[in-house]
Amino acid sequence: MQEDFNKYMLSFKSRSLKDKQNIVIEQLKMLAILTNSMCKELNVDNEILLNRELIDINKDNYTEDDFAEALIVYINSIQNSLCDYCNKLVSVNDNF
């Protein structure tokens, strides 16, 4: 697995900055969807955070500020989902 990851990183490093940023955003989107799905599986009230910053990042001419702001939105969304998920697990375990 480490060798595959090293190959992946070599490929990643050879890309343009915009390509790297697009890959980062896509991976964060996937994580946000995954963590939200985990919550739904446990019937946890949770939603993916959406706001203007995510619209800005979908433009061809987004700025570095737009990129950083979109990262924060996705990171906070993932954190919220993970916290909601963990809180549910703790409350379920407390009831046993």
N, C-alpha and C. Protein backbone atom coordinates (compact mmCIF):
# COMPACT_ATOMS: atom_id res chain seq x y z
N MET A 1 0.81 -1.19 0.00
CA MET A 1 0.00 0.00 0.00
C MET A 1 0.87 1.27 0.00
N GLN A 2 1.93 1.26 0.77
CA GLN A 2 2.82 2.42 0.82
C GLN A 2 3.41 2.71 -0.55
N GLU A 3 3.78 1.65 -1.27
CA GLU A 3 4.38 1.84 -2.59
C GLU A 3 3.36 2.46 -3.56
N ASP A 4 2.12 2.01 -3.50
CA ASP A 4 1.07 2.59 -4.34
C ASP A 4 0.85 4.06 -3.99
N PHE A 5 0.87 4.36 -2.71
CA PHE A 5 0.68 5.75 -2.30
C PHE A 5 1.84 6.62 -2.77
N ASN A 6 3.05 6.09 -2.69
CA ASN A 6 4.22 6.84 -3.17
C ASN A 6 4.10 7.14 -4.67
N LYS A 7 3.61 6.16 -5.43
CA LYS A 7 3.39 6.38 -6.87
C LYS A 7 2.33 7.45 -7.09
N TYR A 8 1.28 7.37 -6.31
CA TYR A 8 0.21 8.36 -6.39
C TYR A 8 0.76 9.77 -6.13
N MET A 9 1.59 9.89 -5.09
CA MET A 9 2.16 11.20 -4.74
C MET A 9 3.10 11.70 -5.83
N LEU A 10 3.86 10.83 -6.45
CA LEU A 10 4.73 11.25 -7.55
C LEU A 10 3.88 11.82 -8.69
N SER A 11 2.81 11.15 -8.99
CA SER A 11 1.90 11.64 -10.03
C SER A 11 1.27 12.97 -9.62
N PHE A 12 0.84 13.05 -8.36
CA PHE A 12 0.22 14.28 -7.85
C PHE A 12 1.18 15.46 -7.94
N LYS A 13 2.43 15.24 -7.54
CA LYS A 13 3.41 16.33 -7.52
C LYS A 13 3.74 16.85 -8.91
N SER A 14 3.51 16.04 -9.92
CA SER A 14 3.83 16.48 -11.29
C SER A 14 2.72 17.32 -11.92
N ARG A 15 1.61 17.46 -11.24
CA ARG A 15 0.48 18.21 -11.78
C ARG A 15 0.61 19.70 -11.52
N SER A 16 -0.19 20.46 -12.25
CA SER A 16 -0.21 21.91 -12.04
C SER A 16 -0.87 22.22 -10.70
N LEU A 17 -0.67 23.43 -10.21
CA LEU A 17 -1.27 23.84 -8.95
C LEU A 17 -2.80 23.76 -9.02
N LYS A 18 -3.39 24.20 -10.11
CA LYS A 18 -4.86 24.14 -10.26
C LYS A 18 -5.34 22.69 -10.21
N ASP A 19 -4.63 21.79 -10.88
CA ASP A 19 -5.00 20.37 -10.84
C ASP A 19 -4.92 19.83 -9.41
N LYS A 20 -3.85 20.18 -8.70
CA LYS A 20 -3.70 19.75 -7.31
C LYS A 20 -4.85 20.26 -6.46
N GLN A 21 -5.20 21.53 -6.65
CA GLN A 21 -6.30 22.10 -5.88
C GLN A 21 -7.61 21.39 -6.21
N ASN A 22 -7.84 21.08 -7.47
CA ASN A 22 -9.06 20.37 -7.85
C ASN A 22 -9.12 18.98 -7.22
N ILE A 23 -7.99 18.31 -7.16
CA ILE A 23 -7.93 16.98 -6.54
C ILE A 23 -8.25 17.10 -5.05
N VAL A 24 -7.66 18.08 -4.38
CA VAL A 24 -7.92 18.29 -2.95
C VAL A 24 -9.40 18.56 -2.70
N ILE A 25 -9.99 19.43 -3.50
CA ILE A 25 -11.41 19.75 -3.33
C ILE A 25 -12.27 18.51 -3.57
N GLU A 26 -11.98 17.75 -4.60
CA GLU A 26 -12.77 16.55 -4.90
C GLU A 26 -12.66 15.52 -3.77
N GLN A 27 -11.47 15.37 -3.20
CA GLN A 27 -11.31 14.41 -2.11
C GLN A 27 -12.04 14.88 -0.85
N LEU A 28 -12.03 16.18 -0.60
CA LEU A 28 -12.77 16.70 0.55
C LEU A 28 -14.28 16.55 0.34
N LYS A 29 -14.75 16.75 -0.90
CA LYS A 29 -16.16 16.52 -1.21
C LYS A 29 -16.54 15.08 -0.89
N MET A 30 -15.70 14.15 -1.34
CA MET A 30 -15.98 12.73 -1.09
C MET A 30 -16.01 12.43 0.40
N LEU A 31 -15.09 13.01 1.17
CA LEU A 31 -15.07 12.80 2.62
C LEU A 31 -16.31 13.40 3.28
N ALA A 32 -16.74 14.57 2.81
CA ALA A 32 -17.94 15.19 3.36
C ALA A 32 -19.17 14.31 3.10
N ILE A 33 -19.25 13.77 1.91
CA ILE A 33 -20.37 12.88 1.57
C ILE A 33 -20.30 11.60 2.40
N LEU A 34 -19.11 11.04 2.54
CA LEU A 34 -18.93 9.81 3.32
C LEU A 34 -19.32 10.01 4.78
N THR A 35 -18.83 11.08 5.39
CA THR A 35 -19.13 11.28 6.81
C THR A 35 -20.61 11.59 7.03
N ASN A 36 -21.22 12.29 6.08
CA ASN A 36 -22.65 12.54 6.16
C ASN A 36 -23.43 11.24 6.02
N SER A 37 -22.99 10.37 5.12
CA SER A 37 -23.63 9.06 4.93
C SER A 37 -23.50 8.20 6.18
N MET A 38 -22.36 8.27 6.84
CA MET A 38 -22.17 7.52 8.08
C MET A 38 -23.21 7.96 9.11
N CYS A 39 -23.44 9.25 9.20
CA CYS A 39 -24.44 9.78 10.13
C CYS A 39 -25.83 9.28 9.77
N LYS A 40 -26.16 9.32 8.50
CA LYS A 40 -27.49 8.88 8.06
C LYS A 40 -27.72 7.41 8.40
N GLU A 41 -26.66 6.60 8.31
CA GLU A 41 -26.78 5.18 8.64
C GLU A 41 -27.18 4.97 10.10
N LEU A 42 -26.81 5.89 10.96
CA LEU A 42 -27.17 5.80 12.38
C LEU A 42 -28.37 6.69 12.73
N ASN A 43 -29.03 7.22 11.70
CA ASN A 43 -30.16 8.14 11.89
C ASN A 43 -29.77 9.37 12.71
N VAL A 44 -28.59 9.88 12.45
CA VAL A 44 -28.10 11.08 13.11
C VAL A 44 -28.50 12.28 12.27
N ASP A 45 -29.09 13.28 12.91
CA ASP A 45 -29.45 14.50 12.21
C ASP A 45 -28.17 15.23 11.84
N ASN A 46 -27.87 15.30 10.55
CA ASN A 46 -26.61 15.88 10.08
C ASN A 46 -26.79 16.32 8.64
N GLU A 47 -26.12 17.40 8.28
CA GLU A 47 -26.15 17.83 6.89
C GLU A 47 -24.80 18.38 6.48
N ILE A 48 -24.50 18.27 5.20
CA ILE A 48 -23.27 18.82 4.65
C ILE A 48 -23.42 20.34 4.60
N LEU A 49 -22.42 21.04 5.09
CA LEU A 49 -22.46 22.50 5.05
C LEU A 49 -22.27 22.99 3.61
N LEU A 50 -23.14 23.88 3.21
CA LEU A 50 -23.06 24.47 1.87
C LEU A 50 -23.18 25.98 2.01
N ASN A 51 -22.35 26.71 1.28
CA ASN A 51 -22.47 28.16 1.28
C ASN A 51 -21.80 28.74 0.03
N ARG A 52 -21.76 30.04 -0.03
CA ARG A 52 -21.25 30.75 -1.21
C ARG A 52 -19.82 30.36 -1.56
N GLU A 53 -19.01 30.06 -0.57
CA GLU A 53 -17.61 29.73 -0.83
C GLU A 53 -17.49 28.49 -1.72
N LEU A 54 -18.44 27.58 -1.62
CA LEU A 54 -18.38 26.39 -2.46
C LEU A 54 -18.81 26.70 -3.89
N ILE A 55 -19.62 27.71 -4.06
CA ILE A 55 -19.99 28.15 -5.41
C ILE A 55 -18.79 28.81 -6.06
N ASP A 56 -18.09 29.66 -5.30
CA ASP A 56 -16.92 30.37 -5.83
C ASP A 56 -15.85 29.41 -6.36
N ILE A 57 -15.64 28.31 -5.66
CA ILE A 57 -14.56 27.39 -6.04
C ILE A 57 -14.88 26.66 -7.34
N ASN A 58 -16.13 26.65 -7.75
CA ASN A 58 -16.52 25.98 -9.00
C ASN A 58 -16.33 26.85 -10.23
N LYS A 59 -15.94 28.09 -10.04
CA LYS A 59 -15.65 28.97 -11.17
C LYS A 59 -14.25 28.66 -11.71
N ASP A 60 -14.06 28.88 -12.99
CA ASP A 60 -12.74 28.64 -13.59
C ASP A 60 -11.67 29.59 -13.06
N ASN A 61 -12.08 30.78 -12.67
CA ASN A 61 -11.11 31.79 -12.25
C ASN A 61 -11.17 32.06 -10.75
N TYR A 62 -11.32 30.99 -9.94
CA TYR A 62 -11.35 31.20 -8.49
C TYR A 62 -9.98 31.68 -8.01
N THR A 63 -10.01 32.35 -6.87
CA THR A 63 -8.78 32.91 -6.30
C THR A 63 -8.22 31.97 -5.23
N GLU A 64 -7.04 32.28 -4.78
CA GLU A 64 -6.44 31.50 -3.68
C GLU A 64 -7.29 31.64 -2.41
N ASP A 65 -7.86 32.83 -2.22
CA ASP A 65 -8.76 33.02 -1.08
C ASP A 65 -9.99 32.14 -1.21
N ASP A 66 -10.56 32.06 -2.42
CA ASP A 66 -11.72 31.18 -2.65
C ASP A 66 -11.37 29.73 -2.31
N PHE A 67 -10.18 29.31 -2.71
CA PHE A 67 -9.73 27.95 -2.44
C PHE A 67 -9.63 27.71 -0.93
N ALA A 68 -8.97 28.61 -0.23
CA ALA A 68 -8.80 28.46 1.23
C ALA A 68 -10.16 28.48 1.94
N GLU A 69 -11.06 29.34 1.50
CA GLU A 69 -12.39 29.41 2.11
C GLU A 69 -13.18 28.12 1.87
N ALA A 70 -13.09 27.56 0.67
CA ALA A 70 -13.77 26.30 0.37
C ALA A 70 -13.19 25.16 1.23
N LEU A 71 -11.88 25.17 1.42
CA LEU A 71 -11.26 24.14 2.27
C LEU A 71 -11.84 24.19 3.68
N ILE A 72 -11.97 25.39 4.22
CA ILE A 72 -12.51 25.55 5.58
C ILE A 72 -13.94 25.05 5.65
N VAL A 73 -14.74 25.34 4.64
CA VAL A 73 -16.13 24.87 4.63
C VAL A 73 -16.17 23.35 4.65
N TYR A 74 -15.42 22.72 3.76
CA TYR A 74 -15.42 21.25 3.72
C TYR A 74 -14.86 20.65 5.01
N ILE A 75 -13.79 21.21 5.52
CA ILE A 75 -13.20 20.68 6.76
C ILE A 75 -14.19 20.80 7.91
N ASN A 76 -14.87 21.93 8.03
CA ASN A 76 -15.86 22.09 9.10
C ASN A 76 -17.04 21.16 8.92
N SER A 77 -17.46 20.94 7.70
CA SER A 77 -18.55 20.01 7.44
C SER A 77 -18.17 18.60 7.87
N ILE A 78 -16.96 18.19 7.52
CA ILE A 78 -16.47 16.85 7.90
C ILE A 78 -16.35 16.75 9.41
N GLN A 79 -15.81 17.78 10.05
CA GLN A 79 -15.68 17.79 11.51
C GLN A 79 -17.06 17.68 12.17
N ASN A 80 -18.03 18.44 11.67
CA ASN A 80 -19.37 18.39 12.25
C ASN A 80 -19.97 17.00 12.13
N SER A 81 -19.83 16.41 10.97
CA SER A 81 -20.37 15.06 10.76
C SER A 81 -19.70 14.05 11.69
N LEU A 82 -18.38 14.13 11.79
CA LEU A 82 -17.67 13.19 12.67
C LEU A 82 -18.05 13.38 14.13
N CYS A 83 -18.22 14.63 14.55
CA CYS A 83 -18.64 14.90 15.93
C CYS A 83 -20.05 14.38 16.18
N ASP A 84 -20.96 14.63 15.25
CA ASP A 84 -22.33 14.13 15.39
C ASP A 84 -22.34 12.60 15.44
N TYR A 85 -21.54 11.98 14.60
CA TYR A 85 -21.45 10.53 14.56
C TYR A 85 -20.92 9.98 15.89
N CYS A 86 -19.84 10.58 16.37
CA CYS A 86 -19.25 10.13 17.65
C CYS A 86 -20.20 10.36 18.81
N ASN A 87 -20.89 11.51 18.82
CA ASN A 87 -21.87 11.77 19.88
C ASN A 87 -22.96 10.72 19.91
N LYS A 88 -23.40 10.30 18.75
CA LYS A 88 -24.42 9.25 18.67
C LYS A 88 -23.87 7.94 19.21
N LEU A 89 -22.66 7.59 18.83
CA LEU A 89 -22.06 6.35 19.33
C LEU A 89 -21.92 6.37 20.84
N VAL A 90 -21.49 7.50 21.37
CA VAL A 90 -21.34 7.62 22.83
C VAL A 90 -22.70 7.51 23.51
N SER A 91 -23.72 8.15 22.95
CA SER A 91 -25.05 8.10 23.58
C SER A 91 -25.64 6.70 23.51
N VAL A 92 -25.38 5.99 22.44
CA VAL A 92 -25.84 4.59 22.32
C VAL A 92 -25.15 3.73 23.35
N ASN A 93 -23.84 3.91 23.50
CA ASN A 93 -23.08 3.12 24.47
C ASN A 93 -23.46 3.46 25.91
N ASP A 94 -23.82 4.71 26.15
CA ASP A 94 -24.25 5.12 27.51
C ASP A 94 -25.56 4.47 27.90
N ASN A 95 -26.36 4.11 26.91
CA ASN A 95 -27.68 3.52 27.18
C ASN A 95 -27.60 2.02 27.45
N PHE A 96 -26.42 1.43 27.30
CA PHE A 96 -26.28 -0.01 27.56
C PHE A 96 -25.80 -0.26 28.94
